[in-house]
Amino acid sequence: MPVITGVTREGKKLIVTGQNFDDGAKVLINGERQKTANDEISPSTTLIAKKAGKFIQPGNKVTVQNSDGTFSNEFTYNP
């Protein structure tokens, strides 16, 4: 089961850190899937939502869905 421990914004990118992210895991913001890539160096602990940093707002709910359909905890984005 994926677990989110942190969410940070770096320009246009949204960086989601945690554990148990599988290959093909997706970041969701308020239930909407985002274009997501696993980090090349730490693929099971870091996901990059490539353009989500442009529109995420404080209070938005971030979740991760693994390719097997399991969801992470809900993480509230508060920069």
PDB file of N, CA and C in Angstrom:
ATOM      1  N   MET A   1       0.849  -1.188   0.000  1.00  0.00           N
ATOM      2  CA  MET A   1       0.000   0.000   0.000  1.00  0.00           C
ATOM      3  C   MET A   1       0.893   1.249   0.000  1.00  0.00           C
ATOM      4  N   PRO A   2       0.655   2.174  -0.929  1.00  0.00           N
ATOM      5  CA  PRO A   2       1.482   3.383  -0.961  1.00  0.00           C
ATOM      6  C   PRO A   2       1.184   4.306   0.223  1.00  0.00           C
ATOM      7  N   VAL A   3       2.205   5.020   0.662  1.00  0.00           N
ATOM      8  CA  VAL A   3       2.080   5.951   1.784  1.00  0.00           C
ATOM      9  C   VAL A   3       2.736   7.271   1.394  1.00  0.00           C
ATOM     10  N   ILE A   4       2.009   8.388   1.548  1.00  0.00           N
ATOM     11  CA  ILE A   4       2.571   9.718   1.290  1.00  0.00           C
ATOM     12  C   ILE A   4       3.081  10.299   2.598  1.00  0.00           C
ATOM     13  N   THR A   5       4.337  10.805   2.567  1.00  0.00           N
ATOM     14  CA  THR A   5       4.891  11.466   3.751  1.00  0.00           C
ATOM     15  C   THR A   5       5.131  12.953   3.525  1.00  0.00           C
ATOM     16  N   GLY A   6       5.139  13.391   2.248  1.00  0.00           N
ATOM     17  CA  GLY A   6       5.369  14.807   1.981  1.00  0.00           C
ATOM     18  C   GLY A   6       5.005  15.180   0.555  1.00  0.00           C
ATOM     19  N   VAL A   7       4.629  16.453   0.371  1.00  0.00           N
ATOM     20  CA  VAL A   7       4.318  16.991  -0.954  1.00  0.00           C
ATOM     21  C   VAL A   7       4.945  18.378  -1.048  1.00  0.00           C
ATOM     22  N   THR A   8       5.771  18.597  -2.070  1.00  0.00           N
ATOM     23  CA  THR A   8       6.398  19.904  -2.268  1.00  0.00           C
ATOM     24  C   THR A   8       6.243  20.329  -3.725  1.00  0.00           C
ATOM     25  N   ARG A   9       6.282  21.619  -3.929  1.00  0.00           N
ATOM     26  CA  ARG A   9       6.175  22.183  -5.267  1.00  0.00           C
ATOM     27  C   ARG A   9       7.536  22.721  -5.686  1.00  0.00           C
ATOM     28  N   GLU A  10       7.954  22.391  -6.895  1.00  0.00           N
ATOM     29  CA  GLU A  10       9.202  22.912  -7.464  1.00  0.00           C
ATOM     30  C   GLU A  10       8.870  23.439  -8.853  1.00  0.00           C
ATOM     31  N   GLY A  11       8.523  24.713  -8.934  1.00  0.00           N
ATOM     32  CA  GLY A  11       8.128  25.293 -10.214  1.00  0.00           C
ATOM     33  C   GLY A  11       6.846  24.651 -10.708  1.00  0.00           C
ATOM     34  N   LYS A  12       6.880  24.087 -11.920  1.00  0.00           N
ATOM     35  CA  LYS A  12       5.705  23.425 -12.492  1.00  0.00           C
ATOM     36  C   LYS A  12       5.499  22.026 -11.928  1.00  0.00           C
ATOM     37  N   LYS A  13       6.529  21.475 -11.295  1.00  0.00           N
ATOM     38  CA  LYS A  13       6.472  20.092 -10.818  1.00  0.00           C
ATOM     39  C   LYS A  13       5.933  20.003  -9.393  1.00  0.00           C
ATOM     40  N   LEU A  14       5.225  18.908  -9.130  1.00  0.00           N
ATOM     41  CA  LEU A  14       4.804  18.571  -7.782  1.00  0.00           C
ATOM     42  C   LEU A  14       5.555  17.297  -7.407  1.00  0.00           C
ATOM     43  N   ILE A  15       6.295  17.346  -6.313  1.00  0.00           N
ATOM     44  CA  ILE A  15       7.102  16.213  -5.875  1.00  0.00           C
ATOM     45  C   ILE A  15       6.395  15.554  -4.695  1.00  0.00           C
ATOM     46  N   VAL A  16       6.073  14.274  -4.844  1.00  0.00           N
ATOM     47  CA  VAL A  16       5.388  13.517  -3.792  1.00  0.00           C
ATOM     48  C   VAL A  16       6.369  12.478  -3.264  1.00  0.00           C
ATOM     49  N   THR A  17       6.626  12.526  -1.950  1.00  0.00           N
ATOM     50  CA  THR A  17       7.541  11.570  -1.333  1.00  0.00           C
ATOM     51  C   THR A  17       6.766  10.645  -0.409  1.00  0.00           C
ATOM     52  N   GLY A  18       7.314   9.455  -0.224  1.00  0.00           N
ATOM     53  CA  GLY A  18       6.660   8.468   0.632  1.00  0.00           C
ATOM     54  C   GLY A  18       7.328   7.125   0.478  1.00  0.00           C
ATOM     55  N   GLN A  19       6.505   6.071   0.427  1.00  0.00           N
ATOM     56  CA  GLN A  19       7.054   4.725   0.282  1.00  0.00           C
ATOM     57  C   GLN A  19       6.057   3.817  -0.415  1.00  0.00           C
ATOM     58  N   ASN A  20       6.587   2.726  -0.942  1.00  0.00           N
ATOM     59  CA  ASN A  20       5.794   1.685  -1.607  1.00  0.00           C
ATOM     60  C   ASN A  20       5.100   2.159  -2.876  1.00  0.00           C
ATOM     61  N   PHE A  21       5.702   3.119  -3.596  1.00  0.00           N
ATOM     62  CA  PHE A  21       5.157   3.527  -4.889  1.00  0.00           C
ATOM     63  C   PHE A  21       5.644   2.513  -5.925  1.00  0.00           C
ATOM     64  N   ASP A  22       4.729   1.952  -6.708  1.00  0.00           N
ATOM     65  CA  ASP A  22       5.172   1.001  -7.718  1.00  0.00           C
ATOM     66  C   ASP A  22       5.367   1.681  -9.068  1.00  0.00           C
ATOM     67  N   ASP A  23       5.936   0.943 -10.002  1.00  0.00           N
ATOM     68  CA  ASP A  23       6.161   1.477 -11.341  1.00  0.00           C
ATOM     69  C   ASP A  23       4.803   1.745 -11.976  1.00  0.00           C
ATOM     70  N   GLY A  24       4.584   2.956 -12.408  1.00  0.00           N
ATOM     71  CA  GLY A  24       3.291   3.310 -12.988  1.00  0.00           C
ATOM     72  C   GLY A  24       2.322   3.929 -12.006  1.00  0.00           C
ATOM     73  N   ALA A  25       2.759   4.195 -10.779  1.00  0.00           N
ATOM     74  CA  ALA A  25       1.884   4.852  -9.797  1.00  0.00           C
ATOM     75  C   ALA A  25       1.503   6.239 -10.299  1.00  0.00           C
ATOM     76  N   LYS A  26       0.311   6.688  -9.930  1.00  0.00           N
ATOM     77  CA  LYS A  26      -0.199   7.993 -10.366  1.00  0.00           C
ATOM     78  C   LYS A  26      -0.492   8.879  -9.162  1.00  0.00           C
ATOM     79  N   VAL A  27      -0.204  10.174  -9.328  1.00  0.00           N
ATOM     80  CA  VAL A  27      -0.579  11.185  -8.340  1.00  0.00           C
ATOM     81  C   VAL A  27      -1.966  11.694  -8.710  1.00  0.00           C
ATOM     82  N   LEU A  28      -2.827  11.843  -7.705  1.00  0.00           N
ATOM     83  CA  LEU A  28      -4.151  12.429  -7.903  1.00  0.00           C
ATOM     84  C   LEU A  28      -4.276  13.662  -7.026  1.00  0.00           C
ATOM     85  N   ILE A  29      -4.851  14.713  -7.571  1.00  0.00           N
ATOM     86  CA  ILE A  29      -5.149  15.922  -6.810  1.00  0.00           C
ATOM     87  C   ILE A  29      -6.656  16.079  -6.804  1.00  0.00           C
ATOM     88  N   ASN A  30      -7.233  16.057  -5.608  1.00  0.00           N
ATOM     89  CA  ASN A  30      -8.692  16.114  -5.456  1.00  0.00           C
ATOM     90  C   ASN A  30      -9.369  15.078  -6.352  1.00  0.00           C
ATOM     91  N   GLY A  31      -8.753  13.886  -6.450  1.00  0.00           N
ATOM     92  CA  GLY A  31      -9.335  12.788  -7.210  1.00  0.00           C
ATOM     93  C   GLY A  31      -9.041  12.789  -8.696  1.00  0.00           C
ATOM     94  N   GLU A  32      -8.345  13.805  -9.210  1.00  0.00           N
ATOM     95  CA  GLU A  32      -8.037  13.881 -10.643  1.00  0.00           C
ATOM     96  C   GLU A  32      -6.611  13.418 -10.906  1.00  0.00           C
ATOM     97  N   ARG A  33      -6.478  12.428 -11.800  1.00  0.00           N
ATOM     98  CA  ARG A  33      -5.154  11.898 -12.140  1.00  0.00           C
ATOM     99  C   ARG A  33      -4.288  12.953 -12.806  1.00  0.00           C
ATOM    100  N   GLN A  34      -3.013  12.912 -12.453  1.00  0.00           N
ATOM    101  CA  GLN A  34      -2.027  13.829 -13.018  1.00  0.00           C
ATOM    102  C   GLN A  34      -1.005  13.029 -13.821  1.00  0.00           C
ATOM    103  N   LYS A  35      -0.400  13.657 -14.811  1.00  0.00           N
ATOM    104  CA  LYS A  35       0.687  13.012 -15.557  1.00  0.00           C
ATOM    105  C   LYS A  35       1.839  12.822 -14.579  1.00  0.00           C
ATOM    106  N   THR A  36       2.215  11.573 -14.338  1.00  0.00           N
ATOM    107  CA  THR A  36       3.133  11.236 -13.249  1.00  0.00           C
ATOM    108  C   THR A  36       4.280  10.370 -13.744  1.00  0.00           C
ATOM    109  N   ALA A  37       5.464  10.601 -13.186  1.00  0.00           N
ATOM    110  CA  ALA A  37       6.628   9.753 -13.466  1.00  0.00           C
ATOM    111  C   ALA A  37       7.280   9.357 -12.150  1.00  0.00           C
ATOM    112  N   ASN A  38       7.775   8.119 -12.091  1.00  0.00           N
ATOM    113  CA  ASN A  38       8.571   7.705 -10.940  1.00  0.00           C
ATOM    114  C   ASN A  38       9.946   8.345 -11.075  1.00  0.00           C
ATOM    115  N   ASP A  39      10.498   8.814  -9.960  1.00  0.00           N
ATOM    116  CA  ASP A  39      11.835   9.397  -9.958  1.00  0.00           C
ATOM    117  C   ASP A  39      12.851   8.341 -10.397  1.00  0.00           C
ATOM    118  N   GLU A  40      13.810   8.724 -11.223  1.00  0.00           N
ATOM    119  CA  GLU A  40      14.801   7.767 -11.727  1.00  0.00           C
ATOM    120  C   GLU A  40      15.705   7.229 -10.629  1.00  0.00           C
ATOM    121  N   ILE A  41      16.051   8.050  -9.651  1.00  0.00           N
ATOM    122  CA  ILE A  41      16.971   7.639  -8.590  1.00  0.00           C
ATOM    123  C   ILE A  41      16.244   6.888  -7.475  1.00  0.00           C
ATOM    124  N   SER A  42      15.052   7.348  -7.109  1.00  0.00           N
ATOM    125  CA  SER A  42      14.290   6.748  -6.007  1.00  0.00           C
ATOM    126  C   SER A  42      12.861   6.438  -6.460  1.00  0.00           C
ATOM    127  N   PRO A  43      12.674   5.478  -7.382  1.00  0.00           N
ATOM    128  CA  PRO A  43      11.347   5.267  -7.966  1.00  0.00           C
ATOM    129  C   PRO A  43      10.272   4.792  -6.996  1.00  0.00           C
ATOM    130  N   SER A  44      10.651   4.106  -5.916  1.00  0.00           N
ATOM    131  CA  SER A  44       9.629   3.593  -4.999  1.00  0.00           C
ATOM    132  C   SER A  44       9.286   4.579  -3.887  1.00  0.00           C
ATOM    133  N   THR A  45      10.030   5.713  -3.825  1.00  0.00           N
ATOM    134  CA  THR A  45       9.779   6.678  -2.751  1.00  0.00           C
ATOM    135  C   THR A  45       9.505   8.094  -3.238  1.00  0.00           C
ATOM    136  N   THR A  46       9.660   8.348  -4.538  1.00  0.00           N
ATOM    137  CA  THR A  46       9.451   9.702  -5.061  1.00  0.00           C
ATOM    138  C   THR A  46       8.723   9.656  -6.398  1.00  0.00           C
ATOM    139  N   LEU A  47       7.628  10.432  -6.475  1.00  0.00           N
ATOM    140  CA  LEU A  47       6.880  10.588  -7.718  1.00  0.00           C
ATOM    141  C   LEU A  47       6.918  12.050  -8.132  1.00  0.00           C
ATOM    142  N   ILE A  48       6.908  12.292  -9.437  1.00  0.00           N
ATOM    143  CA  ILE A  48       6.923  13.652  -9.966  1.00  0.00           C
ATOM    144  C   ILE A  48       5.697  13.837 -10.853  1.00  0.00           C
ATOM    145  N   ALA A  49       4.804  14.739 -10.434  1.00  0.00           N
ATOM    146  CA  ALA A  49       3.659  15.119 -11.262  1.00  0.00           C
ATOM    147  C   ALA A  49       4.113  16.346 -12.044  1.00  0.00           C
ATOM    148  N   LYS A  50       4.374  16.155 -13.323  1.00  0.00           N
ATOM    149  CA  LYS A  50       5.158  17.110 -14.108  1.00  0.00           C
ATOM    150  C   LYS A  50       4.586  18.519 -14.216  1.00  0.00           C
ATOM    151  N   LYS A  51       3.282  18.684 -14.268  1.00  0.00           N
ATOM    152  CA  LYS A  51       2.723  20.030 -14.425  1.00  0.00           C
ATOM    153  C   LYS A  51       1.780  20.424 -13.301  1.00  0.00           C
ATOM    154  N   ALA A  52       1.615  19.553 -12.326  1.00  0.00           N
ATOM    155  CA  ALA A  52       0.647  19.796 -11.256  1.00  0.00           C
ATOM    156  C   ALA A  52       1.035  20.955 -10.349  1.00  0.00           C
ATOM    157  N   GLY A  53       2.317  21.314 -10.310  1.00  0.00           N
ATOM    158  CA  GLY A  53       2.758  22.427  -9.481  1.00  0.00           C
ATOM    159  C   GLY A  53       2.186  23.760  -9.918  1.00  0.00           C
ATOM    160  N   LYS A  54       1.732  23.836 -11.170  1.00  0.00           N
ATOM    161  CA  LYS A  54       1.186  25.100 -11.690  1.00  0.00           C
ATOM    162  C   LYS A  54      -0.154  25.453 -11.061  1.00  0.00           C
ATOM    163  N   PHE A  55      -0.933  24.438 -10.683  1.00  0.00           N
ATOM    164  CA  PHE A  55      -2.295  24.748 -10.239  1.00  0.00           C
ATOM    165  C   PHE A  55      -2.676  24.227  -8.862  1.00  0.00           C
ATOM    166  N   ILE A  56      -1.799  23.471  -8.195  1.00  0.00           N
ATOM    167  CA  ILE A  56      -2.174  22.987  -6.866  1.00  0.00           C
ATOM    168  C   ILE A  56      -2.333  24.166  -5.909  1.00  0.00           C
ATOM    169  N   GLN A  57      -3.318  24.081  -5.046  1.00  0.00           N
ATOM    170  CA  GLN A  57      -3.620  25.139  -4.087  1.00  0.00           C
ATOM    171  C   GLN A  57      -3.552  24.587  -2.666  1.00  0.00           C
ATOM    172  N   PRO A  58      -3.234  25.439  -1.682  1.00  0.00           N
ATOM    173  CA  PRO A  58      -3.272  24.989  -0.291  1.00  0.00           C
ATOM    174  C   PRO A  58      -4.642  24.393   0.024  1.00  0.00           C
ATOM    175  N   GLY A  59      -4.623  23.273   0.733  1.00  0.00           N
ATOM    176  CA  GLY A  59      -5.864  22.595   1.101  1.00  0.00           C
ATOM    177  C   GLY A  59      -6.278  21.506   0.134  1.00  0.00           C
ATOM    178  N   ASN A  60      -5.642  21.441  -1.054  1.00  0.00           N
ATOM    179  CA  ASN A  60      -5.959  20.369  -2.002  1.00  0.00           C
ATOM    180  C   ASN A  60      -5.563  19.026  -1.401  1.00  0.00           C
ATOM    181  N   LYS A  61      -6.300  17.989  -1.756  1.00  0.00           N
ATOM    182  CA  LYS A  61      -6.048  16.633  -1.264  1.00  0.00           C
ATOM    183  C   LYS A  61      -5.238  15.861  -2.300  1.00  0.00           C
ATOM    184  N   VAL A  62      -4.107  15.311  -1.862  1.00  0.00           N
ATOM    185  CA  VAL A  62      -3.223  14.552  -2.740  1.00  0.00           C
ATOM    186  C   VAL A  62      -3.261  13.086  -2.320  1.00  0.00           C
ATOM    187  N   THR A  63      -3.417  12.194  -3.302  1.00  0.00           N
ATOM    188  CA  THR A  63      -3.333  10.756  -3.062  1.00  0.00           C
ATOM    189  C   THR A  63      -2.478  10.138  -4.162  1.00  0.00           C
ATOM    190  N   VAL A  64      -2.028   8.913  -3.911  1.00  0.00           N
ATOM    191  CA  VAL A  64      -1.289   8.136  -4.908  1.00  0.00           C
ATOM    192  C   VAL A  64      -2.051   6.840  -5.135  1.00  0.00           C
ATOM    193  N   GLN A  65      -2.177   6.459  -6.407  1.00  0.00           N
ATOM    194  CA  GLN A  65      -2.778   5.174  -6.748  1.00  0.00           C
ATOM    195  C   GLN A  65      -1.725   4.326  -7.441  1.00  0.00           C
ATOM    196  N   ASN A  66      -1.444   3.149  -6.858  1.00  0.00           N
ATOM    197  CA  ASN A  66      -0.515   2.222  -7.487  1.00  0.00           C
ATOM    198  C   ASN A  66      -1.198   1.535  -8.660  1.00  0.00           C
ATOM    199  N   SER A  67      -0.405   0.893  -9.510  1.00  0.00           N
ATOM    200  CA  SER A  67      -0.950   0.257 -10.709  1.00  0.00           C
ATOM    201  C   SER A  67      -1.897  -0.896 -10.381  1.00  0.00           C
ATOM    202  N   ASP A  68      -1.813  -1.444  -9.158  1.00  0.00           N
ATOM    203  CA  ASP A  68      -2.739  -2.518  -8.769  1.00  0.00           C
ATOM    204  C   ASP A  68      -4.061  -1.980  -8.234  1.00  0.00           C
ATOM    205  N   GLY A  69      -4.211  -0.643  -8.220  1.00  0.00           N
ATOM    206  CA  GLY A  69      -5.466  -0.031  -7.794  1.00  0.00           C
ATOM    207  C   GLY A  69      -5.505   0.412  -6.342  1.00  0.00           C
ATOM    208  N   THR A  70      -4.483   0.074  -5.539  1.00  0.00           N
ATOM    209  CA  THR A  70      -4.490   0.488  -4.136  1.00  0.00           C
ATOM    210  C   THR A  70      -4.167   1.973  -4.015  1.00  0.00           C
ATOM    211  N   PHE A  71      -4.825   2.612  -3.048  1.00  0.00           N
ATOM    212  CA  PHE A  71      -4.644   4.043  -2.814  1.00  0.00           C
ATOM    213  C   PHE A  71      -3.845   4.288  -1.545  1.00  0.00           C
ATOM    214  N   SER A  72      -3.131   5.409  -1.543  1.00  0.00           N
ATOM    215  CA  SER A  72      -2.403   5.863  -0.354  1.00  0.00           C
ATOM    216  C   SER A  72      -3.362   6.561   0.600  1.00  0.00           C
ATOM    217  N   ASN A  73      -2.797   6.983   1.707  1.00  0.00           N
ATOM    218  CA  ASN A  73      -3.472   7.916   2.596  1.00  0.00           C
ATOM    219  C   ASN A  73      -3.714   9.219   1.841  1.00  0.00           C
ATOM    220  N   GLU A  74      -4.676  10.002   2.309  1.00  0.00           N
ATOM    221  CA  GLU A  74      -4.926  11.326   1.730  1.00  0.00           C
ATOM    222  C   GLU A  74      -4.020  12.329   2.436  1.00  0.00           C
ATOM    223  N   PHE A  75      -3.331  13.152   1.672  1.00  0.00           N
ATOM    224  CA  PHE A  75      -2.395  14.134   2.212  1.00  0.00           C
ATOM    225  C   PHE A  75      -2.890  15.516   1.817  1.00  0.00           C
ATOM    226  N   THR A  76      -3.076  16.390   2.801  1.00  0.00           N
ATOM    227  CA  THR A  76      -3.528  17.750   2.516  1.00  0.00           C
ATOM    228  C   THR A  76      -2.318  18.630   2.234  1.00  0.00           C
ATOM    229  N   TYR A  77      -2.324  19.282   1.069  1.00  0.00           N
ATOM    230  CA  TYR A  77      -1.199  20.135   0.667  1.00  0.00           C
ATOM    231  C   TYR A  77      -1.280  21.468   1.390  1.00  0.00           C
ATOM    232  N   ASN A  78      -0.275  21.735   2.211  1.00  0.00           N
ATOM    233  CA  ASN A  78      -0.143  23.007   2.923  1.00  0.00           C
ATOM    234  C   ASN A  78       1.312  23.445   2.840  1.00  0.00           C
ATOM    235  N   PRO A  79       1.641  24.307   1.853  1.00  0.00           N
ATOM    236  CA  PRO A  79       3.041  24.698   1.652  1.00  0.00           C
ATOM    237  C   PRO A  79       3.586  25.528   2.800  1.00  0.00           C
TER     238      PRO A  79
END
